[in-house]
Amino acid sequence: MLSLFPISDANPTRTFPVITILLIAANAFVFLFVQPDFGSSFEADVYFVQEAPIPCQIEGDCPDGLQAVDRIVEIPDRTFASFVASSVFSTFLHAGWLHIIGNMLFLWVFGNNVEDYLGKVKFVLFYLAGGLAATFAHVFTHLDSVAPGVGASGAVAAVMGAYLLLFPKARVNVLVTMFIFITVIQLSAIVVLGIWFAYQFLYAYQEATVATGVAWMAHVGGFVFGLVGIFLLGGRPHRAQPAWEPRWGRSGRWVR
């Protein structure tokens, strides 16, 4: 009934977010041109089984195949190395338009500032490591599951965890919907991301006893990885920046 959806922030960056844009472009390319039918068909489901990680593969305890409509879909065997590789690839797969649009919007809102802090190389490694951490958080709490895990949600959650630690007081513009009431309000990142994490955690707790179609524990694991990882990399809270704050650069020019 009540939905809070971050759409932008008032937190300027010093550098152009090249990696964030490239990650969004890579996700869009895979969604449009690699996976079948935009992730929303029987053929897409078969593709996910063949290409994405499945929790039961980690212990080699999967059934030979899954009954799907009029045929048996074989579950491939994986070594640990191939499981990790498929986990990385799966962060670029999405099950439908809403799935990818939501993930990419969150990546754009929160990713550019984390990239600005970490730098290009560290950011892409941090993003991919967050996706892996999220996958294994889901896998080790669902070892008997035969459902493939797809989506950038875990990697994006890691970015969100890092953002929360780095910029807790940054202002985030949030789309609020309640029944037919729609508006945009501005809240601090610690409120927006705190509510988001609490929501994910509660659903992850429920998921432990009730099967759902969302890997909530992957979101929780990614977010916790982001918080801890950025702290270990030296990240500490930054003061909130206004929308425009010029500084005098060493070259004698005004820089943003």
C-alpha atoms as a PDB file:
ATOM      1  CA  MET A   1       0.000   0.000   0.000  1.00  0.00           C
ATOM      2  CA  LEU A   2       2.868   2.394   0.860  1.00  0.00           C
ATOM      3  CA  SER A   3       5.874   2.480  -1.455  1.00  0.00           C
ATOM      4  CA  LEU A   4       9.113   4.482  -1.142  1.00  0.00           C
ATOM      5  CA  PHE A   5      11.150   4.486  -4.358  1.00  0.00           C
ATOM      6  CA  PRO A   6      14.427   6.471  -4.609  1.00  0.00           C
ATOM      7  CA  ILE A   7      14.662   8.329  -7.928  1.00  0.00           C
ATOM      8  CA  SER A   8      17.625  10.698  -7.456  1.00  0.00           C
ATOM      9  CA  ASP A   9      19.872  12.290  -4.847  1.00  0.00           C
ATOM     10  CA  ALA A  10      21.298  15.726  -4.114  1.00  0.00           C
ATOM     11  CA  ASN A  11      24.882  14.523  -3.779  1.00  0.00           C
ATOM     12  CA  PRO A  12      27.208  15.830  -6.540  1.00  0.00           C
ATOM     13  CA  THR A  13      30.263  13.913  -7.712  1.00  0.00           C
ATOM     14  CA  ARG A  14      33.738  15.152  -8.594  1.00  0.00           C
ATOM     15  CA  THR A  15      34.197  12.784 -11.531  1.00  0.00           C
ATOM     16  CA  PHE A  16      32.089  11.495 -14.399  1.00  0.00           C
ATOM     17  CA  PRO A  17      30.592   8.053 -13.468  1.00  0.00           C
ATOM     18  CA  VAL A  18      32.063   6.061 -16.357  1.00  0.00           C
ATOM     19  CA  ILE A  19      31.892   2.651 -14.679  1.00  0.00           C
ATOM     20  CA  THR A  20      28.340   3.142 -13.415  1.00  0.00           C
ATOM     21  CA  ILE A  21      27.197   4.000 -16.930  1.00  0.00           C
ATOM     22  CA  LEU A  22      29.125   1.071 -18.437  1.00  0.00           C
ATOM     23  CA  LEU A  23      27.571  -1.336 -15.935  1.00  0.00           C
ATOM     24  CA  ILE A  24      24.104  -0.052 -16.793  1.00  0.00           C
ATOM     25  CA  ALA A  25      24.901  -0.378 -20.507  1.00  0.00           C
ATOM     26  CA  ALA A  26      26.211  -3.939 -20.042  1.00  0.00           C
ATOM     27  CA  ASN A  27      23.072  -4.957 -18.144  1.00  0.00           C
ATOM     28  CA  ALA A  28      20.893  -3.412 -20.851  1.00  0.00           C
ATOM     29  CA  PHE A  29      22.853  -5.168 -23.619  1.00  0.00           C
ATOM     30  CA  VAL A  30      22.517  -8.606 -22.008  1.00  0.00           C
ATOM     31  CA  PHE A  31      18.832  -7.999 -21.297  1.00  0.00           C
ATOM     32  CA  LEU A  32      18.037  -6.872 -24.857  1.00  0.00           C
ATOM     33  CA  PHE A  33      20.365  -9.000 -26.984  1.00  0.00           C
ATOM     34  CA  VAL A  34      21.689 -12.020 -25.044  1.00  0.00           C
ATOM     35  CA  GLN A  35      19.009 -13.544 -22.832  1.00  0.00           C
ATOM     36  CA  PRO A  36      15.780 -14.663 -24.562  1.00  0.00           C
ATOM     37  CA  ASP A  37      12.534 -12.709 -24.595  1.00  0.00           C
ATOM     38  CA  PHE A  38      13.545 -10.069 -22.048  1.00  0.00           C
ATOM     39  CA  GLY A  39      13.559 -12.707 -19.306  1.00  0.00           C
ATOM     40  CA  SER A  40       9.799 -13.238 -19.421  1.00  0.00           C
ATOM     41  CA  SER A  41       9.129 -16.520 -21.205  1.00  0.00           C
ATOM     42  CA  PHE A  42       9.559 -20.265 -20.886  1.00  0.00           C
ATOM     43  CA  GLU A  43      12.668 -20.079 -23.075  1.00  0.00           C
ATOM     44  CA  ALA A  44      14.110 -17.447 -20.741  1.00  0.00           C
ATOM     45  CA  ASP A  45      13.477 -19.711 -17.752  1.00  0.00           C
ATOM     46  CA  VAL A  46      15.324 -22.543 -19.513  1.00  0.00           C
ATOM     47  CA  TYR A  47      18.200 -20.159 -20.285  1.00  0.00           C
ATOM     48  CA  PHE A  48      18.407 -19.146 -16.622  1.00  0.00           C
ATOM     49  CA  VAL A  49      18.608 -22.793 -15.522  1.00  0.00           C
ATOM     50  CA  GLN A  50      21.446 -23.401 -17.980  1.00  0.00           C
ATOM     51  CA  GLU A  51      23.438 -20.216 -17.324  1.00  0.00           C
ATOM     52  CA  ALA A  52      22.685 -18.945 -13.803  1.00  0.00           C
ATOM     53  CA  PRO A  53      23.829 -20.426 -10.479  1.00  0.00           C
ATOM     54  CA  ILE A  54      21.469 -22.820  -8.699  1.00  0.00           C
ATOM     55  CA  PRO A  55      22.017 -23.351  -4.945  1.00  0.00           C
ATOM     56  CA  CYS A  56      21.889 -27.153  -5.100  1.00  0.00           C
ATOM     57  CA  GLN A  57      24.867 -27.117  -7.509  1.00  0.00           C
ATOM     58  CA  ILE A  58      27.251 -26.030  -4.771  1.00  0.00           C
ATOM     59  CA  GLU A  59      27.013 -29.469  -3.113  1.00  0.00           C
ATOM     60  CA  GLY A  60      26.343 -31.366  -6.339  1.00  0.00           C
ATOM     61  CA  ASP A  61      22.979 -32.489  -5.003  1.00  0.00           C
ATOM     62  CA  CYS A  62      20.638 -31.318  -7.768  1.00  0.00           C
ATOM     63  CA  PRO A  63      18.095 -33.584  -9.468  1.00  0.00           C
ATOM     64  CA  ASP A  64      18.932 -34.693 -12.996  1.00  0.00           C
ATOM     65  CA  GLY A  65      16.399 -32.301 -14.455  1.00  0.00           C
ATOM     66  CA  LEU A  66      13.299 -30.205 -13.881  1.00  0.00           C
ATOM     67  CA  GLN A  67       9.911 -30.944 -15.392  1.00  0.00           C
ATOM     68  CA  ALA A  68       8.896 -27.876 -17.394  1.00  0.00           C
ATOM     69  CA  VAL A  69       5.724 -27.860 -19.498  1.00  0.00           C
ATOM     70  CA  ASP A  70       6.366 -30.562 -22.121  1.00  0.00           C
ATOM     71  CA  ARG A  71      10.020 -31.411 -21.500  1.00  0.00           C
ATOM     72  CA  ILE A  72      12.719 -32.060 -18.932  1.00  0.00           C
ATOM     73  CA  VAL A  73      15.216 -29.211 -18.433  1.00  0.00           C
ATOM     74  CA  GLU A  74      18.627 -30.558 -17.479  1.00  0.00           C
ATOM     75  CA  ILE A  75      20.448 -28.889 -14.584  1.00  0.00           C
ATOM     76  CA  PRO A  76      24.136 -28.637 -15.493  1.00  0.00           C
ATOM     77  CA  ASP A  77      26.856 -29.828 -13.129  1.00  0.00           C
ATOM     78  CA  ARG A  78      29.284 -27.098 -12.061  1.00  0.00           C
ATOM     79  CA  THR A  79      32.742 -26.995 -10.557  1.00  0.00           C
ATOM     80  CA  PHE A  80      33.282 -24.325  -7.943  1.00  0.00           C
ATOM     81  CA  ALA A  81      35.080 -22.162 -10.534  1.00  0.00           C
ATOM     82  CA  SER A  82      32.234 -22.428 -13.041  1.00  0.00           C
ATOM     83  CA  PHE A  83      29.731 -21.732 -10.259  1.00  0.00           C
ATOM     84  CA  VAL A  84      31.557 -18.494  -9.446  1.00  0.00           C
ATOM     85  CA  ALA A  85      31.718 -17.577 -13.145  1.00  0.00           C
ATOM     86  CA  SER A  86      27.984 -18.188 -13.583  1.00  0.00           C
ATOM     87  CA  SER A  87      27.321 -16.129 -10.438  1.00  0.00           C
ATOM     88  CA  VAL A  88      29.164 -13.163 -11.929  1.00  0.00           C
ATOM     89  CA  PHE A  89      27.340 -13.554 -15.255  1.00  0.00           C
ATOM     90  CA  SER A  90      23.971 -13.840 -13.516  1.00  0.00           C
ATOM     91  CA  THR A  91      24.340 -10.318 -12.128  1.00  0.00           C
ATOM     92  CA  PHE A  92      23.708  -9.148 -15.704  1.00  0.00           C
ATOM     93  CA  LEU A  93      20.561 -11.266 -16.185  1.00  0.00           C
ATOM     94  CA  HIS A  94      17.076  -9.991 -15.348  1.00  0.00           C
ATOM     95  CA  ALA A  95      13.610 -11.505 -15.208  1.00  0.00           C
ATOM     96  CA  GLY A  96      11.574  -8.803 -16.906  1.00  0.00           C
ATOM     97  CA  TRP A  97      11.417  -5.070 -17.501  1.00  0.00           C
ATOM     98  CA  LEU A  98      10.496  -4.028 -13.963  1.00  0.00           C
ATOM     99  CA  HIS A  99      13.388  -6.087 -12.591  1.00  0.00           C
ATOM    100  CA  ILE A 100      16.048  -4.408 -14.704  1.00  0.00           C
ATOM    101  CA  ILE A 101      14.576  -0.890 -14.576  1.00  0.00           C
ATOM    102  CA  GLY A 102      14.424  -0.938 -10.774  1.00  0.00           C
ATOM    103  CA  ASN A 103      17.959  -2.295 -10.395  1.00  0.00           C
ATOM    104  CA  MET A 104      19.487   0.118 -12.901  1.00  0.00           C
ATOM    105  CA  LEU A 105      17.730   3.127 -11.388  1.00  0.00           C
ATOM    106  CA  PHE A 106      19.058   2.232  -7.928  1.00  0.00           C
ATOM    107  CA  LEU A 107      22.526   1.681  -9.402  1.00  0.00           C
ATOM    108  CA  TRP A 108      22.439   5.127 -11.028  1.00  0.00           C
ATOM    109  CA  VAL A 109      21.152   6.923  -7.912  1.00  0.00           C
ATOM    110  CA  PHE A 110      23.687   5.396  -5.513  1.00  0.00           C
ATOM    111  CA  GLY A 111      26.476   4.055  -7.709  1.00  0.00           C
ATOM    112  CA  ASN A 112      27.942   7.295  -9.055  1.00  0.00           C
ATOM    113  CA  ASN A 113      28.920   8.570  -5.602  1.00  0.00           C
ATOM    114  CA  VAL A 114      30.431   5.254  -4.507  1.00  0.00           C
ATOM    115  CA  GLU A 115      32.383   5.122  -7.759  1.00  0.00           C
ATOM    116  CA  ASP A 116      33.515   8.694  -7.128  1.00  0.00           C
ATOM    117  CA  TYR A 117      34.866   7.645  -3.731  1.00  0.00           C
ATOM    118  CA  LEU A 118      36.468   4.330  -4.714  1.00  0.00           C
ATOM    119  CA  GLY A 119      37.740   5.145  -8.184  1.00  0.00           C
ATOM    120  CA  LYS A 120      37.053   3.223 -11.389  1.00  0.00           C
ATOM    121  CA  VAL A 121      38.952  -0.041 -10.842  1.00  0.00           C
ATOM    122  CA  LYS A 122      38.090  -0.505  -7.171  1.00  0.00           C
ATOM    123  CA  PHE A 123      34.445   0.268  -7.865  1.00  0.00           C
ATOM    124  CA  VAL A 124      33.963  -2.395 -10.539  1.00  0.00           C
ATOM    125  CA  LEU A 125      35.752  -4.975  -8.352  1.00  0.00           C
ATOM    126  CA  PHE A 126      33.647  -3.922  -5.354  1.00  0.00           C
ATOM    127  CA  TYR A 127      30.454  -4.229  -7.422  1.00  0.00           C
ATOM    128  CA  LEU A 128      31.269  -7.720  -8.697  1.00  0.00           C
ATOM    129  CA  ALA A 129      32.440  -8.880  -5.256  1.00  0.00           C
ATOM    130  CA  GLY A 130      29.165  -7.611  -3.818  1.00  0.00           C
ATOM    131  CA  GLY A 131      27.267  -9.662  -6.371  1.00  0.00           C
ATOM    132  CA  LEU A 132      29.224 -12.770  -5.374  1.00  0.00           C
ATOM    133  CA  ALA A 133      28.687 -12.143  -1.666  1.00  0.00           C
ATOM    134  CA  ALA A 134      24.957 -11.755  -2.294  1.00  0.00           C
ATOM    135  CA  THR A 135      24.830 -14.998  -4.302  1.00  0.00           C
ATOM    136  CA  PHE A 136      26.545 -17.008  -1.578  1.00  0.00           C
ATOM    137  CA  ALA A 137      24.384 -15.436   1.141  1.00  0.00           C
ATOM    138  CA  HIS A 138      21.380 -16.811  -0.738  1.00  0.00           C
ATOM    139  CA  VAL A 139      22.993 -20.134  -1.651  1.00  0.00           C
ATOM    140  CA  PHE A 140      24.131 -21.086   1.851  1.00  0.00           C
ATOM    141  CA  THR A 141      20.668 -20.404   3.265  1.00  0.00           C
ATOM    142  CA  HIS A 142      18.899 -22.343   0.472  1.00  0.00           C
ATOM    143  CA  LEU A 143      21.194 -25.281  -0.316  1.00  0.00           C
ATOM    144  CA  ASP A 144      18.335 -27.497  -1.506  1.00  0.00           C
ATOM    145  CA  SER A 145      16.811 -24.914  -3.861  1.00  0.00           C
ATOM    146  CA  VAL A 146      16.576 -25.709  -7.584  1.00  0.00           C
ATOM    147  CA  ALA A 147      15.656 -22.158  -8.601  1.00  0.00           C
ATOM    148  CA  PRO A 148      18.347 -20.198 -10.507  1.00  0.00           C
ATOM    149  CA  GLY A 149      19.325 -16.809  -9.097  1.00  0.00           C
ATOM    150  CA  VAL A 150      19.387 -13.894 -11.521  1.00  0.00           C
ATOM    151  CA  GLY A 151      19.650 -10.131 -11.274  1.00  0.00           C
ATOM    152  CA  ALA A 152      21.924  -7.294 -10.222  1.00  0.00           C
ATOM    153  CA  SER A 153      20.009  -6.724  -6.983  1.00  0.00           C
ATOM    154  CA  GLY A 154      22.718  -8.174  -4.727  1.00  0.00           C
ATOM    155  CA  ALA A 155      25.527  -6.182  -6.353  1.00  0.00           C
ATOM    156  CA  VAL A 156      23.408  -3.018  -6.255  1.00  0.00           C
ATOM    157  CA  ALA A 157      22.586  -3.715  -2.600  1.00  0.00           C
ATOM    158  CA  ALA A 158      26.337  -3.746  -1.880  1.00  0.00           C
ATOM    159  CA  VAL A 159      26.603  -0.313  -3.494  1.00  0.00           C
ATOM    160  CA  MET A 160      23.686   0.877  -1.361  1.00  0.00           C
ATOM    161  CA  GLY A 161      25.348  -0.405   1.810  1.00  0.00           C
ATOM    162  CA  ALA A 162      28.523   1.476   0.899  1.00  0.00           C
ATOM    163  CA  TYR A 163      26.516   4.624   0.163  1.00  0.00           C
ATOM    164  CA  LEU A 164      24.817   4.449   3.553  1.00  0.00           C
ATOM    165  CA  LEU A 165      28.140   4.377   5.392  1.00  0.00           C
ATOM    166  CA  LEU A 166      29.756   7.065   3.232  1.00  0.00           C
ATOM    167  CA  PHE A 167      26.847   9.507   2.892  1.00  0.00           C
ATOM    168  CA  PRO A 168      24.286   8.880   5.663  1.00  0.00           C
ATOM    169  CA  LYS A 169      23.069  12.487   5.631  1.00  0.00           C
ATOM    170  CA  ALA A 170      22.851  12.897   1.834  1.00  0.00           C
ATOM    171  CA  ARG A 171      19.411  13.957   0.643  1.00  0.00           C
ATOM    172  CA  VAL A 172      17.566  11.401  -1.491  1.00  0.00           C
ATOM    173  CA  ASN A 173      14.496  12.232  -3.569  1.00  0.00           C
ATOM    174  CA  VAL A 174      11.913   9.515  -2.996  1.00  0.00           C
ATOM    175  CA  LEU A 175       8.769   8.768  -4.982  1.00  0.00           C
ATOM    176  CA  VAL A 176       6.027   8.003  -2.453  1.00  0.00           C
ATOM    177  CA  THR A 177       2.882   6.162  -3.502  1.00  0.00           C
ATOM    178  CA  MET A 178      -0.065   5.247  -1.305  1.00  0.00           C
ATOM    179  CA  PHE A 179      -3.196   4.005  -3.060  1.00  0.00           C
ATOM    180  CA  ILE A 180      -3.833   6.816  -5.607  1.00  0.00           C
ATOM    181  CA  PHE A 181      -1.670   9.379  -3.751  1.00  0.00           C
ATOM    182  CA  ILE A 182       1.695  10.051  -5.436  1.00  0.00           C
ATOM    183  CA  THR A 183       4.308  12.627  -4.478  1.00  0.00           C
ATOM    184  CA  VAL A 184       8.067  13.168  -4.220  1.00  0.00           C
ATOM    185  CA  ILE A 185       9.715  13.949  -0.888  1.00  0.00           C
ATOM    186  CA  GLN A 186      13.330  14.346   0.210  1.00  0.00           C
ATOM    187  CA  LEU A 187      14.721  12.186   3.003  1.00  0.00           C
ATOM    188  CA  SER A 188      18.194  11.488   4.337  1.00  0.00           C
ATOM    189  CA  ALA A 189      19.983   8.414   3.002  1.00  0.00           C
ATOM    190  CA  ILE A 190      20.067   6.820   6.440  1.00  0.00           C
ATOM    191  CA  VAL A 191      16.249   6.913   6.568  1.00  0.00           C
ATOM    192  CA  VAL A 192      15.694   5.706   2.997  1.00  0.00           C
ATOM    193  CA  LEU A 193      18.280   2.937   3.069  1.00  0.00           C
ATOM    194  CA  GLY A 194      17.501   1.999   6.660  1.00  0.00           C
ATOM    195  CA  ILE A 195      13.845   1.429   5.759  1.00  0.00           C
ATOM    196  CA  TRP A 196      14.875  -0.462   2.625  1.00  0.00           C
ATOM    197  CA  PHE A 197      17.192  -2.789   4.574  1.00  0.00           C
ATOM    198  CA  ALA A 198      14.616  -3.426   7.293  1.00  0.00           C
ATOM    199  CA  TYR A 199      12.110  -4.400   4.611  1.00  0.00           C
ATOM    200  CA  GLN A 200      14.587  -6.797   2.965  1.00  0.00           C
ATOM    201  CA  PHE A 201      15.575  -8.327   6.311  1.00  0.00           C
ATOM    202  CA  LEU A 202      11.987  -8.983   7.352  1.00  0.00           C
ATOM    203  CA  TYR A 203      11.203 -10.649   4.054  1.00  0.00           C
ATOM    204  CA  ALA A 204      14.434 -12.663   4.216  1.00  0.00           C
ATOM    205  CA  TYR A 205      13.364 -13.924   7.654  1.00  0.00           C
ATOM    206  CA  GLN A 206       9.989 -14.903   6.229  1.00  0.00           C
ATOM    207  CA  GLU A 207      11.688 -16.539   3.242  1.00  0.00           C
ATOM    208  CA  ALA A 208      13.420 -18.975   5.573  1.00  0.00           C
ATOM    209  CA  THR A 209      10.074 -20.695   6.152  1.00  0.00           C
ATOM    210  CA  VAL A 210       7.939 -19.632   3.171  1.00  0.00           C
ATOM    211  CA  ALA A 211       9.129 -20.048  -0.417  1.00  0.00           C
ATOM    212  CA  THR A 212       9.070 -16.836  -2.463  1.00  0.00           C
ATOM    213  CA  GLY A 213      10.160 -15.820  -5.934  1.00  0.00           C
ATOM    214  CA  VAL A 214      12.653 -13.228  -4.659  1.00  0.00           C
ATOM    215  CA  ALA A 215      16.089 -13.981  -3.192  1.00  0.00           C
ATOM    216  CA  TRP A 216      15.704 -11.623  -0.239  1.00  0.00           C
ATOM    217  CA  MET A 217      18.726 -13.027   1.559  1.00  0.00           C
ATOM    218  CA  ALA A 218      20.870 -12.039  -1.428  1.00  0.00           C
ATOM    219  CA  HIS A 219      19.774  -8.436  -0.895  1.00  0.00           C
ATOM    220  CA  VAL A 220      20.628  -8.651   2.799  1.00  0.00           C
ATOM    221  CA  GLY A 221      23.985 -10.292   2.139  1.00  0.00           C
ATOM    222  CA  GLY A 222      24.936  -7.771  -0.525  1.00  0.00           C
ATOM    223  CA  PHE A 223      24.012  -4.818   1.665  1.00  0.00           C
ATOM    224  CA  VAL A 224      25.980  -6.123   4.669  1.00  0.00           C
ATOM    225  CA  PHE A 225      28.960  -6.797   2.389  1.00  0.00           C
ATOM    226  CA  GLY A 226      28.754  -3.196   1.167  1.00  0.00           C
ATOM    227  CA  LEU A 227      28.747  -1.776   4.685  1.00  0.00           C
ATOM    228  CA  VAL A 228      31.601  -3.928   5.948  1.00  0.00           C
ATOM    229  CA  GLY A 229      33.600  -3.824   2.724  1.00  0.00           C
ATOM    230  CA  ILE A 230      33.625  -0.050   2.373  1.00  0.00           C
ATOM    231  CA  PHE A 231      34.558   0.310   6.047  1.00  0.00           C
ATOM    232  CA  LEU A 232      37.528  -2.033   5.593  1.00  0.00           C
ATOM    233  CA  LEU A 233      38.559   0.020   2.558  1.00  0.00           C
ATOM    234  CA  GLY A 234      38.756   3.097   4.751  1.00  0.00           C
ATOM    235  CA  GLY A 235      35.319   4.521   4.101  1.00  0.00           C
ATOM    236  CA  ARG A 236      33.901   6.811   6.766  1.00  0.00           C
ATOM    237  CA  PRO A 237      30.859   9.113   6.810  1.00  0.00           C
ATOM    238  CA  HIS A 238      31.184  12.256   4.682  1.00  0.00           C
ATOM    239  CA  ARG A 239      29.407  15.506   5.399  1.00  0.00           C
ATOM    240  CA  ALA A 240      26.398  16.304   3.228  1.00  0.00           C
ATOM    241  CA  GLN A 241      27.219  18.427   0.169  1.00  0.00           C
ATOM    242  CA  PRO A 242      24.954  21.088  -1.306  1.00  0.00           C
ATOM    243  CA  ALA A 243      23.800  20.676  -4.911  1.00  0.00           C
ATOM    244  CA  TRP A 244      26.718  22.886  -6.048  1.00  0.00           C
ATOM    245  CA  GLU A 245      29.866  23.566  -4.073  1.00  0.00           C
ATOM    246  CA  PRO A 246      32.745  25.086  -6.096  1.00  0.00           C
ATOM    247  CA  ARG A 247      36.294  24.804  -4.780  1.00  0.00           C
ATOM    248  CA  TRP A 248      39.531  26.516  -5.772  1.00  0.00           C
ATOM    249  CA  GLY A 249      41.637  23.966  -7.624  1.00  0.00           C
ATOM    250  CA  ARG A 250      45.421  23.820  -7.750  1.00  0.00           C
ATOM    251  CA  SER A 251      45.319  24.925 -11.367  1.00  0.00           C
ATOM    252  CA  GLY A 252      43.737  28.219 -10.334  1.00  0.00           C
ATOM    253  CA  ARG A 253      40.348  27.354 -11.825  1.00  0.00           C
ATOM    254  CA  TRP A 254      37.032  26.740 -10.133  1.00  0.00           C
ATOM    255  CA  VAL A 255      36.349  23.008 -10.012  1.00  0.00           C
ATOM    256  CA  ARG A 256      33.351  21.013  -8.978  1.00  0.00           C
END
